[in-house]
């Protein structure tokens, strides 16, 4: 096979692995499932409140930011548990830092939501 065919086949394989990871996250990880449910509710509220295209962009960015941060946090926690299954102070610190990153994303998502929705209720 030529290099171009290998490139395409490798991209297809990479897509399959990514889709598998996506499915694992949305079907088995409680934090991701909770965030997806919240995202669905926020999207419904966006339609009800008839938010603008710009507000949709920010809202969808905030949803994506949360889901990506939570997914990375989950991956880091799973890796840490695999590397060192017993309780270890430094592994705990790594997991706390990872969770802190997801918390940062959540804080900014809430701020974006408040900026979008508070004016609609005033």
PDB file of N, CA and C in Angstrom:
ATOM      1  N   UNK A   1       0.835  -1.190   0.000  1.00  0.00           N
ATOM      2  CA  UNK A   1       0.000   0.000   0.000  1.00  0.00           C
ATOM      3  C   UNK A   1       0.872   1.242   0.000  1.00  0.00           C
ATOM      4  N   UNK A   2       0.358   2.264  -0.625  1.00  0.00           N
ATOM      5  CA  UNK A   2       1.134   3.500  -0.633  1.00  0.00           C
ATOM      6  C   UNK A   2       0.910   4.289   0.652  1.00  0.00           C
ATOM      7  N   UNK A   3       1.700   5.304   0.833  1.00  0.00           N
ATOM      8  CA  UNK A   3       1.666   6.100   2.064  1.00  0.00           C
ATOM      9  C   UNK A   3       0.329   6.791   2.255  1.00  0.00           C
ATOM     10  N   UNK A   4      -0.272   7.263   1.173  1.00  0.00           N
ATOM     11  CA  UNK A   4      -1.560   7.962   1.279  1.00  0.00           C
ATOM     12  C   UNK A   4      -2.651   7.016   1.773  1.00  0.00           C
ATOM     13  N   UNK A   5      -2.669   5.774   1.296  1.00  0.00           N
ATOM     14  CA  UNK A   5      -3.658   4.790   1.750  1.00  0.00           C
ATOM     15  C   UNK A   5      -3.466   4.473   3.222  1.00  0.00           C
ATOM     16  N   UNK A   6      -2.193   4.327   3.654  1.00  0.00           N
ATOM     17  CA  UNK A   6      -1.917   4.076   5.067  1.00  0.00           C
ATOM     18  C   UNK A   6      -2.398   5.232   5.930  1.00  0.00           C
ATOM     19  N   UNK A   7      -2.184   6.451   5.449  1.00  0.00           N
ATOM     20  CA  UNK A   7      -2.626   7.628   6.190  1.00  0.00           C
ATOM     21  C   UNK A   7      -4.137   7.588   6.388  1.00  0.00           C
ATOM     22  N   UNK A   8      -4.868   7.303   5.333  1.00  0.00           N
ATOM     23  CA  UNK A   8      -6.328   7.262   5.412  1.00  0.00           C
ATOM     24  C   UNK A   8      -6.784   6.136   6.344  1.00  0.00           C
ATOM     25  N   UNK A   9      -6.188   4.956   6.206  1.00  0.00           N
ATOM     26  CA  UNK A   9      -6.551   3.836   7.073  1.00  0.00           C
ATOM     27  C   UNK A   9      -6.244   4.150   8.537  1.00  0.00           C
ATOM     28  N   UNK A  10      -5.108   4.781   8.788  1.00  0.00           N
ATOM     29  CA  UNK A  10      -4.764   5.170  10.165  1.00  0.00           C
ATOM     30  C   UNK A  10      -5.745   6.190  10.728  1.00  0.00           C
ATOM     31  N   UNK A  11      -6.228   7.113   9.892  1.00  0.00           N
ATOM     32  CA  UNK A  11      -7.217   8.092  10.351  1.00  0.00           C
ATOM     33  C   UNK A  11      -8.534   7.402  10.678  1.00  0.00           C
ATOM     34  N   UNK A  12      -8.911   6.412   9.868  1.00  0.00           N
ATOM     35  CA  UNK A  12     -10.137   5.661  10.135  1.00  0.00           C
ATOM     36  C   UNK A  12     -10.013   4.910  11.451  1.00  0.00           C
ATOM     37  N   UNK A  13      -8.865   4.266  11.676  1.00  0.00           N
ATOM     38  CA  UNK A  13      -8.639   3.553  12.943  1.00  0.00           C
ATOM     39  C   UNK A  13      -8.683   4.531  14.113  1.00  0.00           C
ATOM     40  N   UNK A  14      -8.038   5.683  13.961  1.00  0.00           N
ATOM     41  CA  UNK A  14      -8.026   6.685  15.033  1.00  0.00           C
ATOM     42  C   UNK A  14      -9.443   7.151  15.345  1.00  0.00           C
ATOM     43  N   UNK A  15     -10.251   7.334  14.310  1.00  0.00           N
ATOM     44  CA  UNK A  15     -11.638   7.743  14.507  1.00  0.00           C
ATOM     45  C   UNK A  15     -12.407   6.667  15.273  1.00  0.00           C
ATOM     46  N   UNK A  16     -12.182   5.403  14.930  1.00  0.00           N
ATOM     47  CA  UNK A  16     -12.856   4.305  15.624  1.00  0.00           C
ATOM     48  C   UNK A  16     -12.477   4.281  17.104  1.00  0.00           C
ATOM     49  N   UNK A  17     -11.181   4.472  17.409  1.00  0.00           N
ATOM     50  CA  UNK A  17     -10.742   4.498  18.809  1.00  0.00           C
ATOM     51  C   UNK A  17     -11.373   5.675  19.557  1.00  0.00           C
ATOM     52  N   UNK A  18     -11.422   6.827  18.903  1.00  0.00           N
ATOM     53  CA  UNK A  18     -12.017   8.005  19.531  1.00  0.00           C
ATOM     54  C   UNK A  18     -13.511   7.789  19.778  1.00  0.00           C
ATOM     55  N   UNK A  19     -14.203   7.203  18.805  1.00  0.00           N
ATOM     56  CA  UNK A  19     -15.633   6.930  18.968  1.00  0.00           C
ATOM     57  C   UNK A  19     -15.860   5.927  20.100  1.00  0.00           C
ATOM     58  N   UNK A  20     -14.979   4.935  20.197  1.00  0.00           N
ATOM     59  CA  UNK A  20     -15.085   3.957  21.282  1.00  0.00           C
ATOM     60  C   UNK A  20     -14.915   4.646  22.637  1.00  0.00           C
ATOM     61  N   UNK A  21     -13.924   5.532  22.761  1.00  0.00           N
ATOM     62  CA  UNK A  21     -13.702   6.279  23.991  1.00  0.00           C
ATOM     63  C   UNK A  21     -14.889   7.167  24.330  1.00  0.00           C
ATOM     64  N   UNK A  22     -15.437   7.825  23.324  1.00  0.00           N
ATOM     65  CA  UNK A  22     -16.625   8.664  23.497  1.00  0.00           C
ATOM     66  C   UNK A  22     -17.765   7.827  24.065  1.00  0.00           C
ATOM     67  N   UNK A  23     -17.993   6.648  23.468  1.00  0.00           N
ATOM     68  CA  UNK A  23     -19.081   5.784  23.909  1.00  0.00           C
ATOM     69  C   UNK A  23     -18.865   5.312  25.348  1.00  0.00           C
ATOM     70  N   UNK A  24     -17.632   4.938  25.670  1.00  0.00           N
ATOM     71  CA  UNK A  24     -17.324   4.520  27.042  1.00  0.00           C
ATOM     72  C   UNK A  24     -17.640   5.649  28.018  1.00  0.00           C
ATOM     73  N   UNK A  25     -17.230   6.864  27.669  1.00  0.00           N
ATOM     74  CA  UNK A  25     -17.468   8.013  28.553  1.00  0.00           C
ATOM     75  C   UNK A  25     -18.952   8.267  28.782  1.00  0.00           C
ATOM     76  N   UNK A  26     -19.734   8.305  27.701  1.00  0.00           N
ATOM     77  CA  UNK A  26     -21.140   8.699  27.855  1.00  0.00           C
ATOM     78  C   UNK A  26     -22.037   7.564  28.348  1.00  0.00           C
ATOM     79  N   UNK A  27     -21.508   6.345  28.403  1.00  0.00           N
ATOM     80  CA  UNK A  27     -22.339   5.240  28.882  1.00  0.00           C
ATOM     81  C   UNK A  27     -21.916   4.704  30.246  1.00  0.00           C
ATOM     82  N   UNK A  28     -20.709   5.049  30.719  1.00  0.00           N
ATOM     83  CA  UNK A  28     -20.265   4.428  31.962  1.00  0.00           C
ATOM     84  C   UNK A  28     -19.704   5.390  33.007  1.00  0.00           C
ATOM     85  N   UNK A  29     -19.356   6.587  32.625  1.00  0.00           N
ATOM     86  CA  UNK A  29     -18.749   7.522  33.571  1.00  0.00           C
ATOM     87  C   UNK A  29     -19.800   8.486  34.125  1.00  0.00           C
ATOM     88  N   UNK A  30     -20.077   8.351  35.402  1.00  0.00           N
ATOM     89  CA  UNK A  30     -21.151   9.123  36.024  1.00  0.00           C
ATOM     90  C   UNK A  30     -20.971  10.634  35.887  1.00  0.00           C
ATOM     91  N   UNK A  31     -19.742  11.119  36.013  1.00  0.00           N
ATOM     92  CA  UNK A  31     -19.532  12.571  35.903  1.00  0.00           C
ATOM     93  C   UNK A  31     -19.837  13.060  34.489  1.00  0.00           C
ATOM     94  N   UNK A  32     -19.485  12.285  33.497  1.00  0.00           N
ATOM     95  CA  UNK A  32     -19.766  12.664  32.104  1.00  0.00           C
ATOM     96  C   UNK A  32     -21.261  12.578  31.836  1.00  0.00           C
ATOM     97  N   UNK A  33     -21.903  11.511  32.308  1.00  0.00           N
ATOM     98  CA  UNK A  33     -23.345  11.363  32.121  1.00  0.00           C
ATOM     99  C   UNK A  33     -24.073  12.555  32.747  1.00  0.00           C
ATOM    100  N   UNK A  34     -23.672  12.939  33.953  1.00  0.00           N
ATOM    101  CA  UNK A  34     -24.292  14.095  34.619  1.00  0.00           C
ATOM    102  C   UNK A  34     -24.088  15.361  33.797  1.00  0.00           C
ATOM    103  N   UNK A  35     -22.877  15.557  33.280  1.00  0.00           N
ATOM    104  CA  UNK A  35     -22.597  16.760  32.491  1.00  0.00           C
ATOM    105  C   UNK A  35     -23.380  16.761  31.179  1.00  0.00           C
ATOM    106  N   UNK A  36     -23.549  15.597  30.565  1.00  0.00           N
ATOM    107  CA  UNK A  36     -24.337  15.514  29.323  1.00  0.00           C
ATOM    108  C   UNK A  36     -25.802  15.860  29.614  1.00  0.00           C
ATOM    109  N   UNK A  37     -26.328  15.372  30.723  1.00  0.00           N
ATOM    110  CA  UNK A  37     -27.710  15.700  31.096  1.00  0.00           C
ATOM    111  C   UNK A  37     -27.853  17.200  31.328  1.00  0.00           C
ATOM    112  N   UNK A  38     -26.908  17.793  32.045  1.00  0.00           N
ATOM    113  CA  UNK A  38     -26.936  19.248  32.267  1.00  0.00           C
ATOM    114  C   UNK A  38     -26.842  19.988  30.937  1.00  0.00           C
ATOM    115  N   UNK A  39     -25.982  19.513  30.035  1.00  0.00           N
ATOM    116  CA  UNK A  39     -25.829  20.145  28.721  1.00  0.00           C
ATOM    117  C   UNK A  39     -27.146  20.104  27.941  1.00  0.00           C
ATOM    118  N   UNK A  40     -27.832  18.966  27.984  1.00  0.00           N
ATOM    119  CA  UNK A  40     -29.118  18.847  27.285  1.00  0.00           C
ATOM    120  C   UNK A  40     -30.126  19.841  27.862  1.00  0.00           C
ATOM    121  N   UNK A  41     -30.169  19.948  29.178  1.00  0.00           N
ATOM    122  CA  UNK A  41     -31.085  20.895  29.824  1.00  0.00           C
ATOM    123  C   UNK A  41     -30.756  22.325  29.407  1.00  0.00           C
ATOM    124  N   UNK A  42     -29.469  22.672  29.411  1.00  0.00           N
ATOM    125  CA  UNK A  42     -29.061  24.029  29.047  1.00  0.00           C
ATOM    126  C   UNK A  42     -29.393  24.323  27.582  1.00  0.00           C
ATOM    127  N   UNK A  43     -29.229  23.342  26.714  1.00  0.00           N
ATOM    128  CA  UNK A  43     -29.587  23.529  25.296  1.00  0.00           C
ATOM    129  C   UNK A  43     -31.093  23.761  25.164  1.00  0.00           C
ATOM    130  N   UNK A  44     -31.888  22.989  25.883  1.00  0.00           N
ATOM    131  CA  UNK A  44     -33.346  23.190  25.844  1.00  0.00           C
ATOM    132  C   UNK A  44     -33.701  24.588  26.333  1.00  0.00           C
ATOM    133  N   UNK A  45     -33.066  25.013  27.426  1.00  0.00           N
ATOM    134  CA  UNK A  45     -33.304  26.365  27.943  1.00  0.00           C
ATOM    135  C   UNK A  45     -32.894  27.407  26.900  1.00  0.00           C
ATOM    136  N   UNK A  46     -31.805  27.157  26.190  1.00  0.00           N
ATOM    137  CA  UNK A  46     -31.376  28.074  25.140  1.00  0.00           C
ATOM    138  C   UNK A  46     -32.427  28.247  24.062  1.00  0.00           C
ATOM    139  N   UNK A  47     -33.072  27.143  23.673  1.00  0.00           N
ATOM    140  CA  UNK A  47     -34.153  27.233  22.681  1.00  0.00           C
ATOM    141  C   UNK A  47     -35.359  27.967  23.256  1.00  0.00           C
ATOM    142  N   UNK A  48     -35.717  27.663  24.496  1.00  0.00           N
ATOM    143  CA  UNK A  48     -36.864  28.317  25.128  1.00  0.00           C
ATOM    144  C   UNK A  48     -36.634  29.823  25.250  1.00  0.00           C
ATOM    145  N   UNK A  49     -35.405  30.202  25.638  1.00  0.00           N
ATOM    146  CA  UNK A  49     -35.090  31.628  25.840  1.00  0.00           C
ATOM    147  C   UNK A  49     -34.709  32.334  24.542  1.00  0.00           C
ATOM    148  N   UNK A  50     -34.657  31.576  23.455  1.00  0.00           N
ATOM    149  CA  UNK A  50     -34.348  32.137  22.131  1.00  0.00           C
ATOM    150  C   UNK A  50     -33.052  32.963  22.148  1.00  0.00           C
ATOM    151  N   UNK A  51     -31.979  32.330  22.619  1.00  0.00           N
ATOM    152  CA  UNK A  51     -30.705  33.046  22.696  1.00  0.00           C
ATOM    153  C   UNK A  51     -30.155  33.304  21.291  1.00  0.00           C
ATOM    154  N   UNK A  52     -29.316  34.323  21.189  1.00  0.00           N
ATOM    155  CA  UNK A  52     -28.770  34.737  19.895  1.00  0.00           C
ATOM    156  C   UNK A  52     -27.704  33.751  19.410  1.00  0.00           C
ATOM    157  N   UNK A  53     -27.300  33.917  18.159  1.00  0.00           N
ATOM    158  CA  UNK A  53     -26.254  33.055  17.580  1.00  0.00           C
ATOM    159  C   UNK A  53     -24.949  33.195  18.370  1.00  0.00           C
ATOM    160  N   UNK A  54     -24.614  34.393  18.764  1.00  0.00           N
ATOM    161  CA  UNK A  54     -23.397  34.609  19.549  1.00  0.00           C
ATOM    162  C   UNK A  54     -23.508  33.929  20.907  1.00  0.00           C
ATOM    163  N   UNK A  55     -24.661  34.053  21.534  1.00  0.00           N
ATOM    164  CA  UNK A  55     -24.867  33.389  22.817  1.00  0.00           C
ATOM    165  C   UNK A  55     -24.789  31.870  22.657  1.00  0.00           C
ATOM    166  N   UNK A  56     -25.324  31.337  21.553  1.00  0.00           N
ATOM    167  CA  UNK A  56     -25.209  29.902  21.280  1.00  0.00           C
ATOM    168  C   UNK A  56     -23.751  29.486  21.166  1.00  0.00           C
ATOM    169  N   UNK A  57     -22.954  30.311  20.482  1.00  0.00           N
ATOM    170  CA  UNK A  57     -21.533  29.969  20.337  1.00  0.00           C
ATOM    171  C   UNK A  57     -20.861  29.873  21.706  1.00  0.00           C
ATOM    172  N   UNK A  58     -21.108  30.851  22.562  1.00  0.00           N
ATOM    173  CA  UNK A  58     -20.499  30.834  23.884  1.00  0.00           C
ATOM    174  C   UNK A  58     -21.040  29.676  24.735  1.00  0.00           C
ATOM    175  N   UNK A  59     -22.343  29.445  24.640  1.00  0.00           N
ATOM    176  CA  UNK A  59     -22.927  28.355  25.413  1.00  0.00           C
ATOM    177  C   UNK A  59     -22.362  27.005  24.952  1.00  0.00           C
ATOM    178  N   UNK A  60     -22.289  26.784  23.652  1.00  0.00           N
ATOM    179  CA  UNK A  60     -21.744  25.519  23.146  1.00  0.00           C
ATOM    180  C   UNK A  60     -20.262  25.379  23.472  1.00  0.00           C
ATOM    181  N   UNK A  61     -19.533  26.490  23.438  1.00  0.00           N
ATOM    182  CA  UNK A  61     -18.124  26.460  23.842  1.00  0.00           C
ATOM    183  C   UNK A  61     -18.003  26.049  25.307  1.00  0.00           C
ATOM    184  N   UNK A  62     -18.854  26.602  26.161  1.00  0.00           N
ATOM    185  CA  UNK A  62     -18.817  26.269  27.587  1.00  0.00           C
ATOM    186  C   UNK A  62     -19.149  24.787  27.802  1.00  0.00           C
ATOM    187  N   UNK A  63     -20.142  24.281  27.089  1.00  0.00           N
ATOM    188  CA  UNK A  63     -20.500  22.862  27.192  1.00  0.00           C
ATOM    189  C   UNK A  63     -19.320  21.998  26.761  1.00  0.00           C
ATOM    190  N   UNK A  64     -18.718  22.341  25.636  1.00  0.00           N
ATOM    191  CA  UNK A  64     -17.566  21.571  25.139  1.00  0.00           C
ATOM    192  C   UNK A  64     -16.409  21.632  26.130  1.00  0.00           C
ATOM    193  N   UNK A  65     -16.153  22.811  26.676  1.00  0.00           N
ATOM    194  CA  UNK A  65     -15.074  22.983  27.637  1.00  0.00           C
ATOM    195  C   UNK A  65     -15.268  22.062  28.840  1.00  0.00           C
ATOM    196  N   UNK A  66     -16.473  22.016  29.356  1.00  0.00           N
ATOM    197  CA  UNK A  66     -16.782  21.157  30.500  1.00  0.00           C
ATOM    198  C   UNK A  66     -16.586  19.687  30.136  1.00  0.00           C
ATOM    199  N   UNK A  67     -17.145  19.263  29.008  1.00  0.00           N
ATOM    200  CA  UNK A  67     -17.058  17.849  28.623  1.00  0.00           C
ATOM    201  C   UNK A  67     -15.621  17.420  28.351  1.00  0.00           C
ATOM    202  N   UNK A  68     -14.845  18.287  27.723  1.00  0.00           N
ATOM    203  CA  UNK A  68     -13.436  17.962  27.473  1.00  0.00           C
ATOM    204  C   UNK A  68     -12.669  17.894  28.794  1.00  0.00           C
ATOM    205  N   UNK A  69     -12.869  18.876  29.661  1.00  0.00           N
ATOM    206  CA  UNK A  69     -12.158  18.885  30.945  1.00  0.00           C
ATOM    207  C   UNK A  69     -12.529  17.666  31.785  1.00  0.00           C
ATOM    208  N   UNK A  70     -13.803  17.333  31.841  1.00  0.00           N
ATOM    209  CA  UNK A  70     -14.246  16.161  32.607  1.00  0.00           C
ATOM    210  C   UNK A  70     -13.689  14.875  32.003  1.00  0.00           C
ATOM    211  N   UNK A  71     -13.644  14.808  30.676  1.00  0.00           N
ATOM    212  CA  UNK A  71     -13.105  13.618  30.006  1.00  0.00           C
ATOM    213  C   UNK A  71     -11.623  13.455  30.296  1.00  0.00           C
ATOM    214  N   UNK A  72     -10.866  14.543  30.193  1.00  0.00           N
ATOM    215  CA  UNK A  72      -9.434  14.475  30.495  1.00  0.00           C
ATOM    216  C   UNK A  72      -9.207  14.126  31.965  1.00  0.00           C
ATOM    217  N   UNK A  73     -10.007  14.708  32.849  1.00  0.00           N
ATOM    218  CA  UNK A  73      -9.908  14.390  34.270  1.00  0.00           C
ATOM    219  C   UNK A  73     -10.145  12.894  34.500  1.00  0.00           C
ATOM    220  N   UNK A  74     -11.150  12.354  33.861  1.00  0.00           N
ATOM    221  CA  UNK A  74     -11.451  10.931  33.996  1.00  0.00           C
ATOM    222  C   UNK A  74     -10.290  10.083  33.498  1.00  0.00           C
ATOM    223  N   UNK A  75      -9.736  10.462  32.336  1.00  0.00           N
ATOM    224  CA  UNK A  75      -8.601   9.715  31.798  1.00  0.00           C
ATOM    225  C   UNK A  75      -7.395   9.746  32.722  1.00  0.00           C
ATOM    226  N   UNK A  76      -7.100  10.905  33.262  1.00  0.00           N
ATOM    227  CA  UNK A  76      -5.957  11.040  34.180  1.00  0.00           C
ATOM    228  C   UNK A  76      -6.202  10.219  35.446  1.00  0.00           C
ATOM    229  N   UNK A  77      -7.416  10.271  35.969  1.00  0.00           N
ATOM    230  CA  UNK A  77      -7.725   9.486  37.171  1.00  0.00           C
ATOM    231  C   UNK A  77      -7.612   7.991  36.907  1.00  0.00           C
ATOM    232  N   UNK A  78      -8.107   7.532  35.760  1.00  0.00           N
ATOM    233  CA  UNK A  78      -8.012   6.101  35.415  1.00  0.00           C
ATOM    234  C   UNK A  78      -6.549   5.684  35.275  1.00  0.00           C
ATOM    235  N   UNK A  79      -5.750   6.519  34.619  1.00  0.00           N
ATOM    236  CA  UNK A  79      -4.327   6.219  34.452  1.00  0.00           C
ATOM    237  C   UNK A  79      -3.631   6.175  35.815  1.00  0.00           C
ATOM    238  N   UNK A  80      -3.910   7.144  36.659  1.00  0.00           N
ATOM    239  CA  UNK A  80      -3.296   7.186  37.995  1.00  0.00           C
ATOM    240  C   UNK A  80      -3.671   5.946  38.800  1.00  0.00           C
ATOM    241  N   UNK A  81      -4.940   5.537  38.735  1.00  0.00           N
ATOM    242  CA  UNK A  81      -5.379   4.342  39.458  1.00  0.00           C
ATOM    243  C   UNK A  81      -4.713   3.077  38.903  1.00  0.00           C
ATOM    244  N   UNK A  82      -4.487   3.053  37.600  1.00  0.00           N
ATOM    245  CA  UNK A  82      -3.832   1.904  36.975  1.00  0.00           C
ATOM    246  C   UNK A  82      -2.361   1.824  37.381  1.00  0.00           C
ATOM    247  N   UNK A  83      -1.697   2.967  37.368  1.00  0.00           N
ATOM    248  CA  UNK A  83      -0.268   3.015  37.696  1.00  0.00           C
ATOM    249  C   UNK A  83      -0.030   2.694  39.166  1.00  0.00           C
ATOM    250  N   UNK A  84      -0.902   3.222  40.023  1.00  0.00           N
ATOM    251  CA  UNK A  84      -0.720   3.023  41.467  1.00  0.00           C
ATOM    252  C   UNK A  84      -2.090   2.798  42.100  1.00  0.00           C
ATOM    253  N   UNK A  85      -2.582   1.538  42.103  1.00  0.00           N
ATOM    254  CA  UNK A  85      -3.942   1.263  42.599  1.00  0.00           C
ATOM    255  C   UNK A  85      -4.145   1.538  44.090  1.00  0.00           C
ATOM    256  N   UNK A  86      -3.088   1.430  44.875  1.00  0.00           N
ATOM    257  CA  UNK A  86      -3.219   1.702  46.305  1.00  0.00           C
ATOM    258  C   UNK A  86      -3.187   3.209  46.544  1.00  0.00           C
ATOM    259  N   UNK A  87      -3.710   3.607  47.711  1.00  0.00           N
ATOM    260  CA  UNK A  87      -3.684   5.032  48.052  1.00  0.00           C
ATOM    261  C   UNK A  87      -2.235   5.500  48.164  1.00  0.00           C
ATOM    262  N   UNK A  88      -1.958   6.619  47.513  1.00  0.00           N
ATOM    263  CA  UNK A  88      -0.626   7.219  47.557  1.00  0.00           C
ATOM    264  C   UNK A  88      -0.799   8.725  47.554  1.00  0.00           C
ATOM    265  N   UNK A  89      -0.065   9.399  48.424  1.00  0.00           N
ATOM    266  CA  UNK A  89      -0.213  10.846  48.599  1.00  0.00           C
ATOM    267  C   UNK A  89      -0.025  11.600  47.286  1.00  0.00           C
ATOM    268  N   UNK A  90       1.009  11.303  46.529  1.00  0.00           N
ATOM    269  CA  UNK A  90       1.287  12.033  45.286  1.00  0.00           C
ATOM    270  C   UNK A  90       0.268  11.721  44.194  1.00  0.00           C
ATOM    271  N   UNK A  91      -0.184  10.465  44.122  1.00  0.00           N
ATOM    272  CA  UNK A  91      -1.232  10.117  43.147  1.00  0.00           C
ATOM    273  C   UNK A  91      -2.507  10.890  43.506  1.00  0.00           C
ATOM    274  N   UNK A  92      -2.816  10.971  44.793  1.00  0.00           N
ATOM    275  CA  UNK A  92      -3.969  11.750  45.236  1.00  0.00           C
ATOM    276  C   UNK A  92      -3.845  13.210  44.846  1.00  0.00           C
ATOM    277  N   UNK A  93      -2.647  13.752  44.978  1.00  0.00           N
ATOM    278  CA  UNK A  93      -2.400  15.150  44.590  1.00  0.00           C
ATOM    279  C   UNK A  93      -2.597  15.345  43.091  1.00  0.00           C
ATOM    280  N   UNK A  94      -2.090  14.415  42.298  1.00  0.00           N
ATOM    281  CA  UNK A  94      -2.255  14.483  40.838  1.00  0.00           C
ATOM    282  C   UNK A  94      -3.744  14.453  40.485  1.00  0.00           C
ATOM    283  N   UNK A  95      -4.486  13.548  41.125  1.00  0.00           N
ATOM    284  CA  UNK A  95      -5.919  13.449  40.847  1.00  0.00           C
ATOM    285  C   UNK A  95      -6.659  14.710  41.288  1.00  0.00           C
ATOM    286  N   UNK A  96      -6.253  15.303  42.395  1.00  0.00           N
ATOM    287  CA  UNK A  96      -6.871  16.550  42.851  1.00  0.00           C
ATOM    288  C   UNK A  96      -6.610  17.682  41.863  1.00  0.00           C
ATOM    289  N   UNK A  97      -5.394  17.757  41.357  1.00  0.00           N
ATOM    290  CA  UNK A  97      -5.052  18.798  40.378  1.00  0.00           C
ATOM    291  C   UNK A  97      -5.878  18.617  39.109  1.00  0.00           C
ATOM    292  N   UNK A  98      -6.007  17.374  38.671  1.00  0.00           N
ATOM    293  CA  UNK A  98      -6.808  17.075  37.487  1.00  0.00           C
ATOM    294  C   UNK A  98      -8.264  17.485  37.700  1.00  0.00           C
ATOM    295  N   UNK A  99      -8.806  17.166  38.857  1.00  0.00           N
ATOM    296  CA  UNK A  99     -10.176  17.569  39.185  1.00  0.00           C
ATOM    297  C   UNK A  99     -10.293  19.087  39.266  1.00  0.00           C
ATOM    298  N   UNK A 100      -9.234  19.728  39.757  1.00  0.00           N
ATOM    299  CA  UNK A 100      -9.222  21.193  39.822  1.00  0.00           C
ATOM    300  C   UNK A 100      -9.332  21.825  38.449  1.00  0.00           C
ATOM    301  N   UNK A 101      -8.718  21.219  37.459  1.00  0.00           N
ATOM    302  CA  UNK A 101      -8.815  21.733  36.083  1.00  0.00           C
ATOM    303  C   UNK A 101     -10.261  21.663  35.601  1.00  0.00           C
ATOM    304  N   UNK A 102     -10.935  20.559  35.893  1.00  0.00           N
ATOM    305  CA  UNK A 102     -12.348  20.430  35.520  1.00  0.00           C
ATOM    306  C   UNK A 102     -13.187  21.463  36.278  1.00  0.00           C
ATOM    307  N   UNK A 103     -12.806  21.748  37.523  1.00  0.00           N
ATOM    308  CA  UNK A 103     -13.513  22.741  38.319  1.00  0.00           C
ATOM    309  C   UNK A 103     -13.348  24.143  37.724  1.00  0.00           C
ATOM    310  N   UNK A 104     -12.137  24.457  37.251  1.00  0.00           N
ATOM    311  CA  UNK A 104     -11.920  25.730  36.546  1.00  0.00           C
ATOM    312  C   UNK A 104     -12.897  25.857  35.384  1.00  0.00           C
ATOM    313  N   UNK A 105     -12.990  24.805  34.587  1.00  0.00           N
ATOM    314  CA  UNK A 105     -13.898  24.824  33.435  1.00  0.00           C
ATOM    315  C   UNK A 105     -15.334  25.055  33.893  1.00  0.00           C
ATOM    316  N   UNK A 106     -15.730  24.401  34.969  1.00  0.00           N
ATOM    317  CA  UNK A 106     -17.092  24.554  35.475  1.00  0.00           C
ATOM    318  C   UNK A 106     -17.364  25.981  35.931  1.00  0.00           C
ATOM    319  N   UNK A 107     -16.407  26.582  36.611  1.00  0.00           N
ATOM    320  CA  UNK A 107     -16.570  27.969  37.067  1.00  0.00           C
ATOM    321  C   UNK A 107     -16.815  28.893  35.884  1.00  0.00           C
ATOM    322  N   UNK A 108     -15.982  28.759  34.842  1.00  0.00           N
ATOM    323  CA  UNK A 108     -16.137  29.648  33.692  1.00  0.00           C
ATOM    324  C   UNK A 108     -17.402  29.345  32.900  1.00  0.00           C
ATOM    325  N   UNK A 109     -17.830  28.090  32.868  1.00  0.00           N
ATOM    326  CA  UNK A 109     -19.088  27.750  32.209  1.00  0.00           C
ATOM    327  C   UNK A 109     -20.266  28.398  32.941  1.00  0.00           C
ATOM    328  N   UNK A 110     -20.227  28.386  34.257  1.00  0.00           N
ATOM    329  CA  UNK A 110     -21.287  29.031  35.039  1.00  0.00           C
ATOM    330  C   UNK A 110     -21.284  30.534  34.779  1.00  0.00           C
ATOM    331  N   UNK A 111     -20.115  31.142  34.735  1.00  0.00           N
ATOM    332  CA  UNK A 111     -20.023  32.583  34.460  1.00  0.00           C
ATOM    333  C   UNK A 111     -20.611  32.897  33.086  1.00  0.00           C
ATOM    334  N   UNK A 112     -20.262  32.082  32.077  1.00  0.00           N
ATOM    335  CA  UNK A 112     -20.826  32.281  30.734  1.00  0.00           C
ATOM    336  C   UNK A 112     -22.347  32.158  30.785  1.00  0.00           C
ATOM    337  N   UNK A 113     -22.839  31.134  31.490  1.00  0.00           N
ATOM    338  CA  UNK A 113     -24.283  30.962  31.608  1.00  0.00           C
ATOM    339  C   UNK A 113     -24.959  32.151  32.274  1.00  0.00           C
ATOM    340  N   UNK A 114     -24.341  32.674  33.322  1.00  0.00           N
ATOM    341  CA  UNK A 114     -24.910  33.841  34.006  1.00  0.00           C
ATOM    342  C   UNK A 114     -24.927  35.066  33.093  1.00  0.00           C
ATOM    343  N   UNK A 115     -23.866  35.266  32.348  1.00  0.00           N
ATOM    344  CA  UNK A 115     -23.807  36.407  31.417  1.00  0.00           C
ATOM    345  C   UNK A 115     -24.904  36.296  30.361  1.00  0.00           C
ATOM    346  N   UNK A 116     -25.157  35.070  29.903  1.00  0.00           N
ATOM    347  CA  UNK A 116     -26.190  34.877  28.878  1.00  0.00           C
ATOM    348  C   UNK A 116     -27.600  35.022  29.458  1.00  0.00           C
ATOM    349  N   UNK A 117     -27.858  34.402  30.610  1.00  0.00           N
ATOM    350  CA  UNK A 117     -29.240  34.255  31.067  1.00  0.00           C
ATOM    351  C   UNK A 117     -29.726  35.320  32.045  1.00  0.00           C
ATOM    352  N   UNK A 118     -28.862  35.910  32.852  1.00  0.00           N
ATOM    353  CA  UNK A 118     -29.332  36.927  33.807  1.00  0.00           C
ATOM    354  C   UNK A 118     -30.051  38.082  33.092  1.00  0.00           C
ATOM    355  N   UNK A 119     -29.500  38.627  32.009  1.00  0.00           N
ATOM    356  CA  UNK A 119     -30.210  39.729  31.334  1.00  0.00           C
ATOM    357  C   UNK A 119     -31.604  39.330  30.815  1.00  0.00           C
ATOM    358  N   UNK A 120     -31.818  38.074  30.581  1.00  0.00           N
ATOM    359  CA  UNK A 120     -33.110  37.626  30.052  1.00  0.00           C
ATOM    360  C   UNK A 120     -34.179  37.610  31.147  1.00  0.00           C
ATOM    361  N   UNK A 121     -33.760  37.629  32.409  1.00  0.00           N
ATOM    362  CA  UNK A 121     -34.695  37.604  33.515  1.00  0.00           C
ATOM    363  C   UNK A 121     -34.848  38.967  34.184  1.00  0.00           C
ATOM    364  N   UNK A 122     -34.073  39.937  33.733  1.00  0.00           N
ATOM    365  CA  UNK A 122     -34.140  41.285  34.336  1.00  0.00           C
ATOM    366  C   UNK A 122     -35.037  42.178  33.516  1.00  0.00           C
TER     367      UNK A 122
END
